[in-house]
Structures are given as C-alpha cells and as structure tokens.
C-alpha cells in the first residue's frame, strides 16, 4: 500500500503552466520594452528602444518554442503507448459497398 500516488495538484499545475505561456509572452515583451527605454534614457539613442523591443519579442518567441518542444515530447510519449498506436491493416479484398465507376441500371 506504499504506492506512490500522483499528486492531486499536478493537473492544476500543468494547466497553470499552459495558461502562463500567454502571460510570459506579454511579460517578455514588456521587459524588453523596459530595457529599451532604459538604454534610450541612458545613452540618448532612440534606436536602442527598438533593440529592447526586438529582444523582448525574441524572448517571447523562445518561450513559445520551449512550450511547443515540451508538448511535442509529451505527445511522442503518448504515441508510443500501445493503446494509442494506430496499426494500419491491409485488406486485400475490395469493399463492395463503394462503387466509384459508372452506374449501370
């Protein structure tokens, strides 16, 4: 009876991680804009704002890529489970219900 049980909160935590993807994208862009504004203020160069914006966008894209990679690995594991494997069965006999040719009455 000392079996390890899956934590009850695990599905909730996984759901929160999925929801946090959108939040992390917004936060990454905002941090980039803040960085750009700080650099613009320090060096008095307007183009540094855009450098910060692009860094924030790149960080958001990286977050999406990481989330995609994680989900892809989970689906690959799921595809290897025997009950979800799709096994193509080849039938040599034709199906009489389907007639794709010209109908003769």
N, C-alpha and C. Protein backbone atom coordinates (compact mmCIF):
# COMPACT_ATOMS: atom_id res chain seq x y z
N UNK A 1 0.80 -1.19 0.00
CA UNK A 1 0.00 0.00 0.00
C UNK A 1 0.85 1.26 0.00
N UNK A 2 2.14 1.13 -0.10
CA UNK A 2 3.02 2.29 -0.14
C UNK A 2 3.31 2.71 -1.57
N UNK A 3 2.32 2.61 -2.41
CA UNK A 3 2.49 3.02 -3.80
C UNK A 3 2.58 4.54 -3.86
N UNK A 4 3.39 5.00 -4.80
CA UNK A 4 3.48 6.43 -4.99
C UNK A 4 2.27 6.91 -5.76
N UNK A 5 1.55 7.84 -5.17
CA UNK A 5 0.37 8.40 -5.81
C UNK A 5 0.75 9.67 -6.55
N UNK A 6 0.08 9.88 -7.66
CA UNK A 6 0.29 11.11 -8.40
C UNK A 6 -0.34 12.25 -7.63
N UNK A 7 0.37 13.34 -7.46
CA UNK A 7 -0.18 14.46 -6.67
C UNK A 7 -1.49 14.97 -7.26
N UNK A 8 -2.40 15.32 -6.37
CA UNK A 8 -3.70 15.82 -6.82
C UNK A 8 -3.58 17.14 -7.56
N UNK A 9 -2.59 17.92 -7.21
CA UNK A 9 -2.45 19.24 -7.80
C UNK A 9 -1.70 19.23 -9.13
N UNK A 10 -1.21 18.07 -9.56
CA UNK A 10 -0.43 18.03 -10.79
C UNK A 10 -1.21 18.54 -12.00
N UNK A 11 -2.47 18.11 -12.22
CA UNK A 11 -3.21 18.65 -13.38
C UNK A 11 -3.43 20.16 -13.29
N UNK A 12 -3.61 20.66 -12.07
CA UNK A 12 -3.81 22.10 -11.90
C UNK A 12 -2.53 22.86 -12.23
N UNK A 13 -1.41 22.32 -11.79
CA UNK A 13 -0.12 22.96 -12.06
C UNK A 13 0.17 22.94 -13.55
N UNK A 14 -0.10 21.82 -14.22
CA UNK A 14 0.13 21.73 -15.67
C UNK A 14 -0.77 22.71 -16.41
N UNK A 15 -2.01 22.85 -15.95
CA UNK A 15 -2.92 23.81 -16.58
C UNK A 15 -2.44 25.23 -16.39
N UNK A 16 -1.92 25.54 -15.20
CA UNK A 16 -1.40 26.88 -14.94
C UNK A 16 -0.18 27.16 -15.81
N UNK A 17 0.64 26.15 -16.04
CA UNK A 17 1.80 26.35 -16.90
C UNK A 17 1.35 26.64 -18.33
N UNK A 18 0.30 25.98 -18.78
CA UNK A 18 -0.21 26.25 -20.12
C UNK A 18 -0.76 27.67 -20.21
N UNK A 19 -1.48 28.11 -19.19
CA UNK A 19 -2.01 29.46 -19.19
C UNK A 19 -0.91 30.50 -19.07
N UNK A 20 0.15 30.13 -18.39
CA UNK A 20 1.21 31.11 -18.17
C UNK A 20 1.99 31.41 -19.45
N UNK A 21 1.81 30.64 -20.49
CA UNK A 21 2.51 30.92 -21.74
C UNK A 21 2.14 32.30 -22.27
N UNK A 22 0.87 32.61 -22.29
CA UNK A 22 0.43 33.92 -22.76
C UNK A 22 0.95 35.04 -21.88
N UNK A 23 0.92 34.79 -20.58
CA UNK A 23 1.40 35.81 -19.64
C UNK A 23 2.90 36.01 -19.83
N UNK A 24 3.64 34.91 -20.01
CA UNK A 24 5.09 35.03 -20.16
C UNK A 24 5.47 35.75 -21.44
N UNK A 25 4.64 35.61 -22.47
CA UNK A 25 4.91 36.33 -23.72
C UNK A 25 4.77 37.84 -23.49
N UNK A 26 3.71 38.23 -22.82
CA UNK A 26 3.48 39.66 -22.55
C UNK A 26 4.59 40.21 -21.66
N UNK A 27 4.94 39.45 -20.62
CA UNK A 27 5.98 39.91 -19.70
C UNK A 27 7.33 40.04 -20.42
N UNK A 28 7.64 39.09 -21.30
CA UNK A 28 8.92 39.15 -22.03
C UNK A 28 8.98 40.41 -22.89
N UNK A 29 7.89 40.73 -23.58
CA UNK A 29 7.89 41.92 -24.42
C UNK A 29 7.97 43.18 -23.55
N UNK A 30 7.26 43.19 -22.43
CA UNK A 30 7.30 44.37 -21.55
C UNK A 30 8.70 44.56 -20.95
N UNK A 31 9.35 43.49 -20.58
CA UNK A 31 10.72 43.61 -20.07
C UNK A 31 11.65 44.13 -21.16
N UNK A 32 11.47 43.66 -22.38
CA UNK A 32 12.28 44.16 -23.49
C UNK A 32 12.05 45.63 -23.74
N UNK A 33 10.79 46.06 -23.69
CA UNK A 33 10.49 47.48 -23.87
C UNK A 33 11.11 48.29 -22.73
N UNK A 34 11.00 47.78 -21.52
CA UNK A 34 11.61 48.47 -20.37
C UNK A 34 13.12 48.58 -20.52
N UNK A 35 13.73 47.50 -20.98
CA UNK A 35 15.17 47.51 -21.22
C UNK A 35 15.52 48.54 -22.30
N UNK A 36 14.73 48.56 -23.36
CA UNK A 36 14.96 49.52 -24.44
C UNK A 36 14.79 50.96 -23.98
N UNK A 37 13.75 51.20 -23.17
CA UNK A 37 13.55 52.56 -22.64
C UNK A 37 14.70 52.96 -21.73
N UNK A 38 15.17 52.02 -20.92
CA UNK A 38 16.31 52.32 -20.04
C UNK A 38 17.56 52.64 -20.84
N UNK A 39 17.83 51.85 -21.87
CA UNK A 39 19.01 52.11 -22.71
C UNK A 39 18.87 53.44 -23.45
N UNK A 40 17.64 53.73 -23.90
CA UNK A 40 17.40 55.01 -24.61
C UNK A 40 17.65 56.18 -23.67
N UNK A 41 17.19 56.05 -22.44
CA UNK A 41 17.36 57.13 -21.46
C UNK A 41 18.84 57.32 -21.09
N UNK A 42 19.56 56.21 -20.94
CA UNK A 42 20.97 56.29 -20.53
C UNK A 42 21.83 56.85 -21.65
N UNK A 43 21.67 56.32 -22.87
CA UNK A 43 22.56 56.68 -23.97
C UNK A 43 21.98 57.75 -24.91
N UNK A 44 20.72 58.11 -24.71
CA UNK A 44 20.04 59.12 -25.52
C UNK A 44 20.05 58.77 -27.01
N UNK A 45 19.84 57.48 -27.30
CA UNK A 45 19.75 56.99 -28.68
C UNK A 45 18.38 56.33 -28.85
N UNK A 46 17.58 56.83 -29.78
CA UNK A 46 16.22 56.32 -29.98
C UNK A 46 16.21 54.88 -30.47
N UNK A 47 17.16 54.50 -31.28
CA UNK A 47 17.16 53.16 -31.86
C UNK A 47 17.37 52.08 -30.81
N UNK A 48 17.90 52.42 -29.63
CA UNK A 48 18.08 51.43 -28.57
C UNK A 48 16.74 50.95 -28.01
N UNK A 49 15.71 51.79 -28.11
CA UNK A 49 14.36 51.35 -27.72
C UNK A 49 13.94 50.17 -28.57
N UNK A 50 14.20 50.26 -29.87
CA UNK A 50 13.80 49.18 -30.77
C UNK A 50 14.63 47.92 -30.56
N UNK A 51 15.86 48.09 -30.14
CA UNK A 51 16.68 46.92 -29.79
C UNK A 51 16.03 46.17 -28.62
N UNK A 52 15.58 46.93 -27.62
CA UNK A 52 14.90 46.32 -26.48
C UNK A 52 13.60 45.64 -26.88
N UNK A 53 12.84 46.26 -27.77
CA UNK A 53 11.58 45.66 -28.25
C UNK A 53 11.87 44.34 -28.96
N UNK A 54 12.87 44.33 -29.82
CA UNK A 54 13.21 43.10 -30.53
C UNK A 54 13.73 42.02 -29.60
N UNK A 55 14.47 42.41 -28.57
CA UNK A 55 14.92 41.42 -27.58
C UNK A 55 13.71 40.82 -26.86
N UNK A 56 12.74 41.64 -26.51
CA UNK A 56 11.52 41.15 -25.85
C UNK A 56 10.73 40.21 -26.74
N UNK A 57 10.61 40.57 -28.01
CA UNK A 57 9.88 39.70 -28.95
C UNK A 57 10.61 38.38 -29.14
N UNK A 58 11.94 38.45 -29.22
CA UNK A 58 12.73 37.22 -29.36
C UNK A 58 12.56 36.32 -28.14
N UNK A 59 12.51 36.92 -26.96
CA UNK A 59 12.31 36.14 -25.74
C UNK A 59 10.92 35.50 -25.74
N UNK A 60 9.91 36.21 -26.22
CA UNK A 60 8.55 35.66 -26.29
C UNK A 60 8.50 34.49 -27.26
N UNK A 61 9.15 34.62 -28.41
CA UNK A 61 9.19 33.53 -29.39
C UNK A 61 9.91 32.32 -28.80
N UNK A 62 10.98 32.57 -28.05
CA UNK A 62 11.70 31.48 -27.41
C UNK A 62 10.82 30.76 -26.39
N UNK A 63 10.01 31.49 -25.66
CA UNK A 63 9.07 30.87 -24.71
C UNK A 63 8.08 29.98 -25.43
N UNK A 64 7.57 30.43 -26.56
CA UNK A 64 6.63 29.63 -27.34
C UNK A 64 7.31 28.36 -27.85
N UNK A 65 8.53 28.50 -28.32
CA UNK A 65 9.27 27.35 -28.83
C UNK A 65 9.52 26.32 -27.72
N UNK A 66 9.87 26.78 -26.55
CA UNK A 66 10.09 25.87 -25.42
C UNK A 66 8.81 25.13 -25.05
N UNK A 67 7.69 25.85 -25.02
CA UNK A 67 6.41 25.22 -24.70
C UNK A 67 6.02 24.20 -25.77
N UNK A 68 6.27 24.54 -27.04
CA UNK A 68 5.97 23.62 -28.13
C UNK A 68 6.82 22.36 -28.02
N UNK A 69 8.11 22.53 -27.72
CA UNK A 69 9.00 21.38 -27.60
C UNK A 69 8.56 20.46 -26.47
N UNK A 70 8.14 21.05 -25.37
CA UNK A 70 7.68 20.25 -24.23
C UNK A 70 6.43 19.46 -24.59
N UNK A 71 5.48 20.11 -25.25
CA UNK A 71 4.25 19.43 -25.64
C UNK A 71 4.52 18.35 -26.68
N UNK A 72 5.44 18.61 -27.59
CA UNK A 72 5.77 17.63 -28.62
C UNK A 72 6.34 16.37 -27.99
N UNK A 73 7.21 16.52 -26.99
CA UNK A 73 7.78 15.37 -26.30
C UNK A 73 6.69 14.58 -25.58
N UNK A 74 5.73 15.28 -24.98
CA UNK A 74 4.63 14.61 -24.30
C UNK A 74 3.78 13.81 -25.29
N UNK A 75 3.50 14.39 -26.45
CA UNK A 75 2.71 13.69 -27.45
C UNK A 75 3.46 12.50 -28.03
N UNK A 76 4.77 12.62 -28.17
CA UNK A 76 5.57 11.49 -28.65
C UNK A 76 5.51 10.33 -27.66
N UNK A 77 5.59 10.64 -26.37
CA UNK A 77 5.47 9.59 -25.35
C UNK A 77 4.10 8.94 -25.42
N UNK A 78 3.09 9.76 -25.59
CA UNK A 78 1.72 9.26 -25.67
C UNK A 78 1.53 8.39 -26.90
N UNK A 79 2.15 8.75 -27.99
CA UNK A 79 2.02 7.98 -29.24
C UNK A 79 2.67 6.60 -29.12
N UNK A 80 3.62 6.45 -28.23
CA UNK A 80 4.30 5.17 -28.06
C UNK A 80 3.52 4.20 -27.18
N UNK A 81 2.49 4.68 -26.49
CA UNK A 81 1.68 3.78 -25.67
C UNK A 81 0.89 2.85 -26.58
N UNK A 82 0.83 1.58 -26.21
CA UNK A 82 0.18 0.60 -27.09
C UNK A 82 -1.28 0.88 -27.38
N UNK A 83 -2.00 1.42 -26.45
CA UNK A 83 -3.43 1.62 -26.70
C UNK A 83 -3.72 2.76 -27.66
N UNK A 84 -2.73 3.62 -27.91
CA UNK A 84 -2.92 4.72 -28.83
C UNK A 84 -2.24 4.52 -30.17
N UNK A 85 -1.53 3.43 -30.32
CA UNK A 85 -0.84 3.19 -31.59
C UNK A 85 -1.85 2.85 -32.66
N UNK A 86 -1.66 3.42 -33.80
CA UNK A 86 -2.52 3.15 -34.94
C UNK A 86 -1.82 2.12 -35.81
N UNK A 87 -2.47 0.99 -35.96
CA UNK A 87 -1.89 -0.06 -36.78
C UNK A 87 -2.70 -0.18 -38.06
N UNK A 88 -2.04 0.06 -39.15
CA UNK A 88 -2.71 0.01 -40.44
C UNK A 88 -2.88 -1.44 -40.85
N UNK A 89 -4.10 -1.80 -41.12
CA UNK A 89 -4.39 -3.16 -41.55
C UNK A 89 -4.70 -3.14 -43.03
N UNK A 90 -4.00 -3.98 -43.75
CA UNK A 90 -4.19 -4.05 -45.19
C UNK A 90 -5.20 -5.16 -45.50
N UNK A 91 -6.25 -4.78 -46.15
CA UNK A 91 -7.23 -5.76 -46.60
C UNK A 91 -7.09 -5.90 -48.11
N UNK A 92 -6.88 -7.14 -48.56
CA UNK A 92 -6.71 -7.36 -49.99
C UNK A 92 -8.04 -7.41 -50.74
N UNK A 93 -9.11 -7.64 -50.04
CA UNK A 93 -10.40 -7.72 -50.72
C UNK A 93 -11.01 -6.33 -50.88
N UNK A 94 -11.75 -6.14 -51.95
CA UNK A 94 -12.37 -4.86 -52.23
C UNK A 94 -13.65 -4.73 -51.43
N UNK A 95 -14.00 -3.50 -51.14
CA UNK A 95 -15.23 -3.22 -50.43
C UNK A 95 -16.36 -3.12 -51.46
N UNK A 96 -17.38 -3.95 -51.31
CA UNK A 96 -18.47 -3.99 -52.28
C UNK A 96 -19.44 -2.82 -52.11
N UNK A 97 -19.38 -2.12 -50.99
CA UNK A 97 -20.33 -1.02 -50.76
C UNK A 97 -19.97 0.21 -51.57
N UNK A 98 -18.74 0.36 -51.93
CA UNK A 98 -18.33 1.56 -52.65
C UNK A 98 -18.14 1.25 -54.13
N UNK A 99 -18.75 2.07 -54.97
CA UNK A 99 -18.63 1.92 -56.39
C UNK A 99 -18.27 3.27 -56.96
N UNK A 100 -17.04 3.40 -57.43
CA UNK A 100 -16.59 4.68 -57.94
C UNK A 100 -16.72 4.77 -59.46
N UNK A 101 -17.17 3.75 -60.07
CA UNK A 101 -17.31 3.75 -61.52
C UNK A 101 -18.66 4.25 -61.96
N UNK A 102 -18.94 4.06 -63.24
CA UNK A 102 -20.22 4.49 -63.82
C UNK A 102 -21.30 3.52 -63.40
N UNK A 103 -22.46 4.06 -63.02
CA UNK A 103 -23.57 3.20 -62.60
C UNK A 103 -24.33 2.72 -63.82
N UNK A 104 -24.61 1.45 -63.84
CA UNK A 104 -25.38 0.86 -64.94
C UNK A 104 -26.68 0.33 -64.38
N UNK A 105 -27.78 0.83 -64.93
CA UNK A 105 -29.09 0.41 -64.45
C UNK A 105 -29.70 -0.55 -65.38
